[in-house]
Protein backbone atom coordinates (compact mmCIF):
# COMPACT_ATOMS: atom_id res chain seq x y z
CA MET A 1 95.09 103.72 83.00
CA LEU A 2 95.63 105.54 86.27
CA ASN A 3 95.51 103.89 89.65
CA ASN A 4 95.74 105.58 93.02
CA VAL A 5 94.40 103.33 95.77
CA GLY A 6 93.64 105.08 99.05
CA LYS A 7 95.46 108.18 100.19
CA SER A 8 98.99 108.46 98.90
CA ASP A 9 101.45 110.90 97.42
CA PHE A 10 101.87 109.07 94.14
CA LEU A 11 99.95 108.12 91.04
CA HIS A 12 100.47 104.72 89.41
CA ILE A 13 100.29 104.99 85.59
CA LEU A 14 99.95 101.98 83.29
CA VAL A 15 100.71 102.46 79.59
CA ASP A 16 99.52 99.83 77.10
CA THR A 17 101.42 100.52 73.89
CA ASN A 18 98.88 98.84 71.62
CA GLY A 19 95.63 99.52 73.48
CA VAL A 20 93.23 96.61 73.89
CA LYS A 21 95.09 94.37 71.42
CA LYS A 22 96.82 91.33 72.88
CA PRO A 23 99.05 90.27 74.56
CA ASN A 24 98.39 92.87 77.33
CA VAL A 25 101.37 91.58 79.32
CA PHE A 26 103.67 93.59 81.59
CA GLY A 27 107.08 93.94 80.00
CA LYS A 28 105.76 93.23 76.49
CA ASP A 29 103.17 95.89 75.76
CA VAL A 30 102.20 97.18 79.21
CA PHE A 31 104.62 99.41 81.13
CA THR A 32 104.31 101.07 84.52
CA PHE A 33 105.28 104.55 85.66
CA ILE A 34 104.96 106.46 88.93
CA LEU A 35 104.19 110.13 89.42
CA ALA A 36 105.41 110.94 92.94
CA LEU A 37 104.19 114.25 94.31
CA ASN A 38 106.80 114.59 97.08
CA ASP A 39 109.96 113.34 95.40
CA ARG A 40 113.08 114.89 93.87
CA LYS A 41 112.40 112.83 90.73
CA PRO A 42 108.61 113.14 90.42
CA PHE A 43 108.13 111.06 87.25
CA LYS A 44 109.88 107.71 87.15
CA SER A 45 109.60 104.21 85.84
CA TRP A 46 108.29 101.42 88.05
CA GLY A 47 110.91 98.88 88.93
CA CYS A 48 114.55 98.88 89.83
CA SER A 49 115.60 102.03 87.99
CA ASP A 50 117.41 103.58 90.97
CA THR A 51 120.05 100.82 91.07
CA THR A 52 122.45 99.37 88.48
CA ARG A 53 121.56 98.01 85.06
CA GLY A 54 122.43 94.49 86.22
CA THR A 55 120.01 94.77 89.12
CA ALA A 56 117.33 96.23 86.83
CA LEU A 57 117.80 93.29 84.40
CA LYS A 58 117.47 90.76 87.22
CA CYS A 59 114.44 92.62 88.58
CA CYS A 60 112.79 92.55 85.13
CA LYS A 61 113.50 88.83 84.69
CA ASN A 62 111.88 88.09 88.06
CA ASP A 63 108.87 90.42 87.68
CA SER A 64 107.84 91.66 84.23
CA SER A 65 105.80 94.49 85.77
CA LYS A 66 109.12 96.11 86.74
CA CYS A 67 110.72 96.10 83.28
CA THR A 68 110.12 99.81 82.72
CA GLY A 69 113.14 100.44 84.97
CA LEU A 70 115.36 98.35 82.69
CA LEU A 71 114.08 100.15 79.61
CA GLU A 72 114.91 103.47 81.24
CA PHE A 73 118.49 102.25 81.85
CA ASP A 74 118.69 101.21 78.20
CA ASN A 75 117.53 104.59 76.89
CA TRP A 76 114.04 103.18 76.04
CA GLU A 77 115.52 100.53 73.75
CA PHE A 78 114.87 96.79 73.80
CA LYS A 79 118.44 95.45 74.04
CA LYS A 80 119.41 91.91 72.98
CA ASP A 81 119.21 90.62 76.55
CA TYR A 82 115.71 92.04 77.21
CA PRO A 83 113.87 89.03 78.69
CA TRP A 84 110.27 89.56 77.50
CA ARG A 85 110.33 89.68 73.69
């Protein structure tokens, strides 16, 4: 699903890894990406990916819609401490 509300220089991309099947929950099977048109890193994960892994983990624990940043830190792996299993 693509979402670009109003005029902006980015495109918000939601990826649901199993389509319409449940649970349809951010951090479990729905992950968010950003395509920024005027950025040095045009395609990036939504969340705290531009910080440290510890900050990304805390960010993911507090807001499951931002867990894509943690997964990027972890090389797209669900590590043992991933909070939304």
